[in-house]
Amino acid sequence: MSIAPLFTGPFLEQAGPDFVSARLGQEFVRAEVGAEPVRDLLTWSALNSLLSTHQLAAPQLRLFRDGAQVPISRYSRMDELTDRQVLLPDALYRELRAGASLVLDSIDHLHPPIAAAADDLMRLVRELVQVNLYLVWGEHQGFDTHWDDHDTVIVQLAGSKYWTVHGPGRRFPMKVDTDHDHRPPESVVWQGTLSPGDIIHVPRGWWHAVRGTGEMSMHLTFGFTRRTGIDWARWIVEQLYAEELFRQDLPRFAEPEQRREHEDELVRTLTKVISVHRPADFLAARDRRFPRRPEINLPWPVRFEAPDDQAIVEVTALLELAVEPADPADPAAAEVVRVSVAGKTFRFASVMAPMLRLLASERSMTVARLRAGSGDLDPTRFATALELLLQQHLVVLRGVG
């Protein structure tokens, strides 16, 4: 099933073209995209299948009621064969009827439509995203008023939930911080009921409370941690390992004048390193290491058979697939093209350049479309090139077998 882009599509249309440049992490944002774009993200049939066929237990699956975690022994048991917790359906139903909230972490690793939505959001915000599911019946409040140490985007899938959003008690608080003793402001930024297809962005550190409306509520929380000046400073420290002066012991027992000279030289060297490793360099280096979605795509990378023309070829890189000429210093530069993804660089014959650039620009297309845009590759060499890309996990095939 193909899911149309949610965040770079209808959400961004309503949030505005300045969402990532001016509003992300800075203000509360609400969009009403309607129930249809979110309908197929998670159906009841799909959820029941996940809960029935995966051995889900704490800490990935938990129940909460009135701000406290429900003991896992009340809705699961230890399986004798696997020595793992397994859900007890009747006990789970009982806890949910009594108002417990079900929380399933990292559901994007379990369900492809949600993984596709997470990928879409990652390309928008250029950060890793984790998606958690929240399900509740009744009016209970699963969690007390709180703030999160990461940015969130909430997508209401079914039912309704009432939200009260305050501003930050401390601007840009962090998980590791010097001050955790801040309180929610008395003012309310927004309060109201989310219905299917409503999407809100709650920035890091903004206090909020959520409670049921008396009916069922199912929503997804897409969470991501954006890079800060602290992250850049940590990266600067990593660059200092290349400086012999910073690997030396501090001259604790030297004469005062010698210690001052060493300190001054440390400051000069640090300033030099900072001047050539700017925040933009840090972000670019991080983008180059941004991972690929670890999706298994058997059997083609092991035993290749030419797929149908209408099968879909999709790039595995979550961000851009960087296709570049070879290093001019390489004696074979004219015959080679480089592809960089997830911190790795691959070298391919330059005859594959049109094919690779088409994949980089469109990300997903039919086999027929890719073959037509692959330049001088005849059908046999095209099949060989596609097999090679599959073996290196640079692409996956969809809509076959």
Protein backbone atom coordinates (compact mmCIF):
# COMPACT_ATOMS: atom_id res chain seq x y z
CA MET A 1 0.00 0.00 0.00
CA SER A 2 1.37 3.37 -1.01
CA ILE A 3 0.88 6.20 1.48
CA ALA A 4 0.99 9.75 0.11
CA PRO A 5 3.48 12.03 1.91
CA LEU A 6 1.73 13.42 4.98
CA PHE A 7 4.14 16.01 6.34
CA THR A 8 5.70 17.35 3.14
CA GLY A 9 2.20 17.29 1.64
CA PRO A 10 -1.02 18.44 3.36
CA PHE A 11 0.58 19.31 6.71
CA LEU A 12 3.17 21.63 5.20
CA GLU A 13 0.55 23.23 2.99
CA GLN A 14 -1.28 24.37 6.12
CA ALA A 15 1.71 24.97 8.40
CA GLY A 16 3.23 27.23 5.76
CA PRO A 17 6.48 27.31 3.77
CA ASP A 18 8.24 28.92 6.76
CA PHE A 19 7.43 26.01 9.08
CA VAL A 20 10.96 24.62 9.29
CA SER A 21 12.72 27.98 9.06
CA ALA A 22 10.64 30.01 11.52
CA ARG A 23 8.04 27.94 13.38
CA LEU A 24 9.64 24.56 14.11
CA GLY A 25 10.67 24.42 17.77
CA GLN A 26 9.51 28.02 18.27
CA GLU A 27 5.72 27.96 18.38
CA PHE A 28 2.65 25.76 18.64
CA VAL A 29 1.32 24.78 15.23
CA ARG A 30 -2.00 23.16 14.33
CA ALA A 31 -3.17 21.80 10.99
CA GLU A 32 -6.42 20.10 10.04
CA VAL A 33 -5.62 17.82 7.11
CA GLY A 34 -8.79 15.71 7.43
CA ALA A 35 -9.32 12.06 8.21
CA GLU A 36 -8.60 10.67 4.73
CA PRO A 37 -4.78 11.35 4.64
CA VAL A 38 -4.28 9.54 7.98
CA ARG A 39 -6.85 6.76 7.58
CA ASP A 40 -4.42 4.10 6.36
CA LEU A 41 -1.56 4.90 8.74
CA LEU A 42 -2.92 2.38 11.24
CA THR A 43 -6.15 0.42 10.92
CA TRP A 44 -7.70 -1.68 13.69
CA SER A 45 -6.86 -4.80 11.69
CA ALA A 46 -3.20 -3.77 11.46
CA LEU A 47 -3.02 -2.91 15.17
CA ASN A 48 -4.59 -6.21 16.17
CA SER A 49 -2.10 -8.05 13.97
CA LEU A 50 0.84 -6.21 15.57
CA LEU A 51 -0.36 -6.96 19.09
CA SER A 52 -1.06 -10.60 18.24
CA THR A 53 2.04 -11.56 16.24
CA HIS A 54 4.82 -9.58 17.95
CA GLN A 55 6.01 -10.39 21.45
CA LEU A 56 5.44 -6.87 22.68
CA ALA A 57 6.06 -6.17 26.34
CA ALA A 58 7.55 -3.55 28.65
CA PRO A 59 9.38 -1.31 28.10
CA GLN A 60 8.20 -1.11 24.48
CA LEU A 61 4.53 -1.67 25.36
CA ARG A 62 3.21 -0.22 28.60
CA LEU A 63 -0.06 0.79 30.20
CA PHE A 64 -0.52 4.00 32.22
CA ARG A 65 -3.36 5.28 34.35
CA ASP A 66 -3.58 8.65 36.12
CA GLY A 67 0.13 9.34 35.74
CA ALA A 68 1.35 5.95 36.99
CA GLN A 69 2.44 2.83 35.12
CA VAL A 70 0.17 -0.19 35.47
CA PRO A 71 2.17 -3.23 36.71
CA ILE A 72 2.90 -5.46 33.73
CA SER A 73 1.88 -8.55 35.74
CA ARG A 74 -1.72 -7.32 35.52
CA TYR A 75 -1.94 -7.80 31.75
CA SER A 76 0.89 -10.16 30.73
CA ARG A 77 2.60 -13.38 31.75
CA MET A 78 5.98 -14.99 31.24
CA ASP A 79 5.99 -17.43 28.32
CA GLU A 80 7.68 -20.71 29.25
CA LEU A 81 9.08 -21.36 25.77
CA THR A 82 10.55 -17.93 25.01
CA ASP A 83 11.10 -16.68 28.57
CA ARG A 84 9.53 -13.39 27.53
CA GLN A 85 6.44 -11.49 28.57
CA VAL A 86 3.36 -12.09 26.41
CA LEU A 87 0.07 -10.21 26.51
CA LEU A 88 -3.03 -11.73 28.10
CA PRO A 89 -5.91 -10.55 25.89
CA ASP A 90 -8.67 -10.67 28.52
CA ALA A 91 -6.48 -8.89 31.10
CA LEU A 92 -5.45 -6.25 28.56
CA TYR A 93 -9.10 -5.60 27.68
CA ARG A 94 -9.95 -5.24 31.38
CA GLU A 95 -7.26 -2.64 31.96
CA LEU A 96 -8.27 -0.67 28.87
CA ARG A 97 -11.94 -0.73 29.93
CA ALA A 98 -10.82 0.65 33.30
CA GLY A 99 -9.24 3.67 31.59
CA ALA A 100 -5.61 2.66 31.11
CA SER A 101 -3.69 4.25 28.23
CA LEU A 102 -1.77 1.86 25.99
CA VAL A 103 1.60 3.17 24.84
CA LEU A 104 3.53 1.34 22.11
CA ASP A 105 7.00 2.78 21.46
CA SER A 106 8.78 2.70 18.10
CA ILE A 107 5.75 1.53 16.15
CA ASP A 108 7.49 2.89 13.04
CA HIS A 109 9.79 -0.16 13.26
CA LEU A 110 6.76 -2.46 13.19
CA HIS A 111 4.38 -1.00 10.60
CA PRO A 112 5.46 0.16 7.09
CA PRO A 113 2.83 2.92 6.60
CA ILE A 114 3.95 4.61 9.81
CA ALA A 115 7.60 4.07 8.84
CA ALA A 116 6.89 5.85 5.54
CA ALA A 117 5.34 8.80 7.40
CA ALA A 118 8.34 8.92 9.74
CA ASP A 119 10.69 8.91 6.74
CA ASP A 120 8.73 11.81 5.24
CA LEU A 121 9.05 13.81 8.46
CA MET A 122 12.78 13.02 8.69
CA ARG A 123 13.29 14.50 5.25
CA LEU A 124 11.43 17.61 6.37
CA VAL A 125 13.22 18.22 9.70
CA ARG A 126 16.47 16.37 8.89
CA GLU A 127 16.54 14.58 12.23
CA LEU A 128 15.92 10.99 13.30
CA VAL A 129 12.28 10.37 14.21
CA GLN A 130 10.68 7.85 16.57
CA VAL A 131 6.93 7.21 16.54
CA ASN A 132 4.89 6.09 19.56
CA LEU A 133 1.25 5.02 19.61
CA TYR A 134 -1.21 6.14 22.32
CA LEU A 135 -4.60 4.44 22.70
CA VAL A 136 -7.21 5.08 25.41
CA TRP A 137 -10.93 4.86 26.11
CA GLY A 138 -12.81 7.14 28.49
CA GLU A 139 -11.86 10.36 30.24
CA HIS A 140 -8.77 9.26 32.15
CA GLN A 141 -5.49 11.16 31.94
CA GLY A 142 -2.58 8.84 31.27
CA PHE A 143 0.11 11.37 32.23
CA ASP A 144 0.28 14.42 34.45
CA THR A 145 1.03 17.87 33.00
CA HIS A 146 4.58 17.58 31.66
CA TRP A 147 7.10 18.73 29.07
CA ASP A 148 9.16 16.65 26.66
CA ASP A 149 12.90 17.02 26.06
CA HIS A 150 12.35 16.72 22.30
CA ASP A 151 10.09 18.24 19.67
CA THR A 152 6.88 16.40 18.86
CA VAL A 153 4.32 16.26 16.09
CA ILE A 154 1.04 14.61 17.10
CA VAL A 155 -1.29 13.02 14.56
CA GLN A 156 -4.81 12.13 15.69
CA LEU A 157 -5.82 8.92 13.93
CA ALA A 158 -9.21 8.06 15.44
CA GLY A 159 -11.57 9.30 18.13
CA SER A 160 -10.77 12.50 19.99
CA LYS A 161 -8.58 13.85 22.80
CA TYR A 162 -8.55 17.12 24.70
CA TRP A 163 -5.25 19.01 24.88
CA THR A 164 -4.11 21.93 27.00
CA VAL A 165 -0.82 23.43 25.82
CA HIS A 166 1.17 25.94 27.88
CA GLY A 167 4.37 27.68 26.87
CA PRO A 168 7.81 26.71 28.18
CA GLY A 169 8.75 27.09 31.82
CA ARG A 170 12.42 27.32 30.77
CA ARG A 171 13.45 28.21 27.25
CA PHE A 172 14.93 25.23 25.38
CA PRO A 173 15.33 22.83 28.34
CA MET A 174 17.39 19.70 27.76
CA LYS A 175 17.43 16.17 29.13
CA VAL A 176 20.88 16.86 30.58
CA ASP A 177 20.61 20.40 31.91
CA THR A 178 21.60 22.69 34.75
CA ASP A 179 18.01 23.47 35.77
CA HIS A 180 15.12 21.03 35.99
CA ASP A 181 13.19 23.00 38.60
CA HIS A 182 10.93 24.94 36.25
CA ARG A 183 7.14 25.05 36.33
CA PRO A 184 4.47 25.48 33.66
CA PRO A 185 3.32 29.05 33.03
CA GLU A 186 -0.23 29.87 34.05
CA SER A 187 -1.13 31.09 30.57
CA VAL A 188 -2.56 28.67 28.01
CA VAL A 189 -1.32 28.80 24.42
CA TRP A 190 -4.03 26.51 23.07
CA GLN A 191 -6.66 24.16 24.35
CA GLY A 192 -9.15 22.14 22.40
CA THR A 193 -10.13 18.76 21.06
CA LEU A 194 -8.19 16.91 18.38
CA SER A 195 -10.24 14.95 15.84
CA PRO A 196 -9.09 12.49 13.16
CA GLY A 197 -6.73 14.25 10.77
CA ASP A 198 -5.73 17.00 13.22
CA ILE A 199 -1.96 17.47 13.52
CA ILE A 200 -0.20 19.63 16.10
CA HIS A 201 3.43 20.53 16.74
CA VAL A 202 4.43 20.97 20.40
CA PRO A 203 7.98 22.31 20.76
CA ARG A 204 10.54 20.92 23.17
CA GLY A 205 10.00 22.16 26.72
CA TRP A 206 6.40 23.27 26.25
CA TRP A 207 4.19 22.03 29.08
CA HIS A 208 1.01 20.21 28.11
CA ALA A 209 -1.72 17.99 29.52
CA VAL A 210 -3.88 15.49 27.66
CA ARG A 211 -7.08 13.78 28.73
CA GLY A 212 -9.78 11.65 27.15
CA THR A 213 -13.11 13.03 26.03
CA GLY A 214 -15.17 10.02 27.07
CA GLU A 215 -14.73 8.16 23.81
CA MET A 216 -11.83 6.26 22.27
CA SER A 217 -8.69 8.09 21.20
CA MET A 218 -5.82 6.83 19.06
CA HIS A 219 -2.93 9.10 18.16
CA LEU A 220 0.69 8.91 17.03
CA THR A 221 3.46 11.03 18.50
CA PHE A 222 6.39 11.65 16.15
CA GLY A 223 9.34 12.70 18.32
CA PHE A 224 12.72 14.06 17.25
CA THR A 225 15.67 15.78 18.92
CA ARG A 226 17.13 18.70 17.00
CA ARG A 227 20.84 19.54 17.08
CA THR A 228 21.91 22.34 19.43
CA GLY A 229 25.04 24.37 20.11
CA ILE A 230 25.89 21.75 22.73
CA ASP A 231 25.98 19.09 20.00
CA TRP A 232 28.22 21.28 17.85
CA ALA A 233 30.55 21.81 20.83
CA ARG A 234 30.78 18.04 21.38
CA TRP A 235 31.68 17.64 17.70
CA ILE A 236 34.39 20.29 18.10
CA VAL A 237 35.86 18.19 20.93
CA GLU A 238 35.99 15.20 18.55
CA GLN A 239 38.02 17.29 16.08
CA LEU A 240 40.53 18.14 18.82
CA TYR A 241 41.79 14.55 18.91
CA ALA A 242 43.69 15.41 15.72
CA GLU A 243 45.61 18.13 17.61
CA GLU A 244 48.71 16.84 19.40
CA LEU A 245 48.55 19.73 21.88
CA PHE A 246 45.13 18.60 23.11
CA ARG A 247 46.29 15.01 23.52
CA GLN A 248 49.11 16.13 25.83
CA ASP A 249 48.83 16.00 29.60
CA LEU A 250 48.11 19.33 31.23
CA PRO A 251 51.36 20.60 32.87
CA ARG A 252 49.89 20.69 36.36
CA PHE A 253 53.31 20.63 38.08
CA ALA A 254 55.19 22.96 35.74
CA GLU A 255 56.30 26.48 36.66
CA PRO A 256 53.52 29.12 36.51
CA GLU A 257 54.93 30.76 33.39
CA GLN A 258 55.11 27.44 31.54
CA ARG A 259 51.53 26.65 32.54
CA ARG A 260 50.33 30.03 31.26
CA GLU A 261 52.10 29.51 27.93
CA HIS A 262 50.49 26.09 27.58
CA GLU A 263 47.04 27.52 28.41
CA ASP A 264 47.46 30.32 25.88
CA GLU A 265 48.47 27.84 23.20
CA LEU A 266 45.42 25.68 24.01
CA VAL A 267 43.16 28.69 23.58
CA ARG A 268 44.80 29.66 20.28
CA THR A 269 44.54 26.14 18.92
CA LEU A 270 40.93 25.79 20.04
CA THR A 271 40.08 29.09 18.36
CA LYS A 272 41.74 27.88 15.15
CA VAL A 273 39.80 24.60 15.19
CA ILE A 274 36.49 26.40 15.86
CA SER A 275 37.14 28.85 13.01
CA VAL A 276 37.35 26.04 10.45
CA HIS A 277 34.63 23.79 11.90
CA ARG A 278 31.51 25.93 11.88
CA PRO A 279 28.00 24.77 12.89
CA ALA A 280 27.10 24.44 9.20
CA ASP A 281 30.03 22.03 8.76
CA PHE A 282 28.78 19.98 11.71
CA LEU A 283 25.27 19.71 10.26
CA ALA A 284 26.62 18.79 6.82
CA ALA A 285 28.85 16.09 8.32
CA ARG A 286 25.88 14.72 10.24
CA ASP A 287 23.70 14.66 7.13
CA ARG A 288 26.39 12.64 5.34
CA ARG A 289 26.13 10.00 8.10
CA PHE A 290 22.33 10.01 8.25
CA PRO A 291 21.30 6.34 8.24
CA ARG A 292 19.30 4.30 5.80
CA ARG A 293 16.08 2.63 6.92
CA PRO A 294 17.20 -0.97 7.75
CA GLU A 295 14.55 -2.64 5.60
CA ILE A 296 15.11 -6.25 4.55
CA ASN A 297 14.27 -6.78 0.87
CA LEU A 298 14.67 -10.48 0.08
CA PRO A 299 15.11 -12.37 -2.20
CA TRP A 300 16.54 -10.10 -4.94
CA PRO A 301 19.84 -9.06 -3.28
CA VAL A 302 20.67 -12.76 -2.77
CA ARG A 303 19.25 -14.36 -5.92
CA PHE A 304 18.36 -11.77 -8.52
CA GLU A 305 15.57 -12.16 -11.04
CA ALA A 306 14.55 -9.27 -13.27
CA PRO A 307 11.44 -7.66 -11.74
CA ASP A 308 8.29 -6.66 -13.60
CA ASP A 309 8.38 -3.28 -15.33
CA GLN A 310 5.70 -1.92 -12.96
CA ALA A 311 7.60 -2.88 -9.80
CA ILE A 312 8.77 0.11 -7.78
CA VAL A 313 12.43 0.89 -7.16
CA GLU A 314 12.92 3.08 -4.08
CA VAL A 315 16.05 4.66 -2.62
CA THR A 316 16.90 3.56 0.94
CA ALA A 317 18.67 6.81 1.91
CA LEU A 318 16.44 8.78 4.25
CA LEU A 319 17.98 12.08 3.13
CA GLU A 320 19.56 12.85 -0.23
CA LEU A 321 21.46 10.26 -2.21
CA ALA A 322 24.64 12.20 -3.02
CA VAL A 323 25.93 11.39 -6.52
CA GLU A 324 29.28 13.05 -7.27
CA PRO A 325 32.13 12.80 -9.75
CA ALA A 326 35.13 10.81 -8.63
CA ASP A 327 38.08 12.53 -6.99
CA PRO A 328 40.10 14.20 -9.78
CA ALA A 329 43.25 12.76 -8.21
CA ASP A 330 41.91 9.27 -8.92
CA PRO A 331 43.60 7.95 -12.10
CA ALA A 332 40.27 6.37 -13.06
CA ALA A 333 38.21 9.50 -12.28
CA ALA A 334 36.73 9.76 -15.79
CA GLU A 335 35.38 6.23 -15.51
CA VAL A 336 33.96 6.41 -11.99
CA VAL A 337 31.02 8.07 -10.21
CA ARG A 338 30.72 8.20 -6.41
CA VAL A 339 27.58 7.69 -4.30
CA SER A 340 27.67 8.74 -0.64
CA VAL A 341 25.07 7.61 1.89
CA ALA A 342 25.04 6.81 5.62
CA GLY A 343 28.73 7.61 6.01
CA LYS A 344 29.81 5.24 3.24
CA THR A 345 31.05 6.02 -0.26
CA PHE A 346 30.44 3.65 -3.18
CA ARG A 347 32.26 3.79 -6.53
CA PHE A 348 30.39 2.78 -9.68
CA ALA A 349 31.19 2.83 -13.38
CA SER A 350 30.40 6.23 -14.86
CA VAL A 351 27.96 4.61 -17.29
CA MET A 352 25.63 4.24 -14.29
CA ALA A 353 25.63 8.00 -13.60
CA PRO A 354 22.30 8.77 -15.39
CA MET A 355 20.60 5.93 -13.50
CA LEU A 356 21.99 7.09 -10.15
CA ARG A 357 21.13 10.75 -10.72
CA LEU A 358 17.57 9.82 -11.65
CA LEU A 359 17.24 7.83 -8.43
CA ALA A 360 18.68 10.73 -6.44
CA SER A 361 16.23 13.23 -7.93
CA GLU A 362 13.01 11.19 -7.87
CA ARG A 363 13.67 8.64 -5.07
CA SER A 364 10.91 6.24 -6.20
CA MET A 365 9.84 5.10 -9.67
CA THR A 366 8.87 2.06 -11.71
CA VAL A 367 11.50 -0.24 -13.13
CA ALA A 368 10.39 0.85 -16.60
CA ARG A 369 10.89 4.53 -15.76
CA LEU A 370 14.33 3.86 -14.29
CA ARG A 371 15.42 1.81 -17.30
CA ALA A 372 14.23 4.53 -19.69
CA GLY A 373 16.29 7.13 -17.82
CA SER A 374 19.45 5.06 -17.52
CA GLY A 375 21.25 6.41 -20.54
CA ASP A 376 23.41 3.97 -22.47
CA LEU A 377 22.67 0.92 -20.32
CA ASP A 378 21.21 -1.87 -22.45
CA PRO A 379 18.68 -4.22 -20.77
CA THR A 380 21.34 -6.70 -19.70
CA ARG A 381 23.63 -4.09 -18.18
CA PHE A 382 20.65 -2.33 -16.61
CA ALA A 383 19.66 -5.57 -14.85
CA THR A 384 23.24 -6.02 -13.65
CA ALA A 385 23.34 -2.44 -12.35
CA LEU A 386 20.00 -2.84 -10.54
CA GLU A 387 21.20 -6.09 -8.95
CA LEU A 388 24.34 -4.32 -7.72
CA LEU A 389 22.30 -1.48 -6.15
CA LEU A 390 20.07 -4.03 -4.43
CA GLN A 391 23.06 -5.95 -3.09
CA GLN A 392 24.53 -2.74 -1.60
CA HIS A 393 21.13 -1.84 -0.06
CA LEU A 394 21.04 1.44 -1.95
CA VAL A 395 17.55 0.62 -3.27
CA VAL A 396 14.68 -1.74 -2.48
CA LEU A 397 12.01 -3.25 -4.70
CA ARG A 398 8.32 -2.88 -3.90
CA GLY A 399 5.15 -4.26 -5.42
CA VAL A 400 6.64 -7.62 -6.35
CA GLY A 401 6.12 -11.06 -4.92
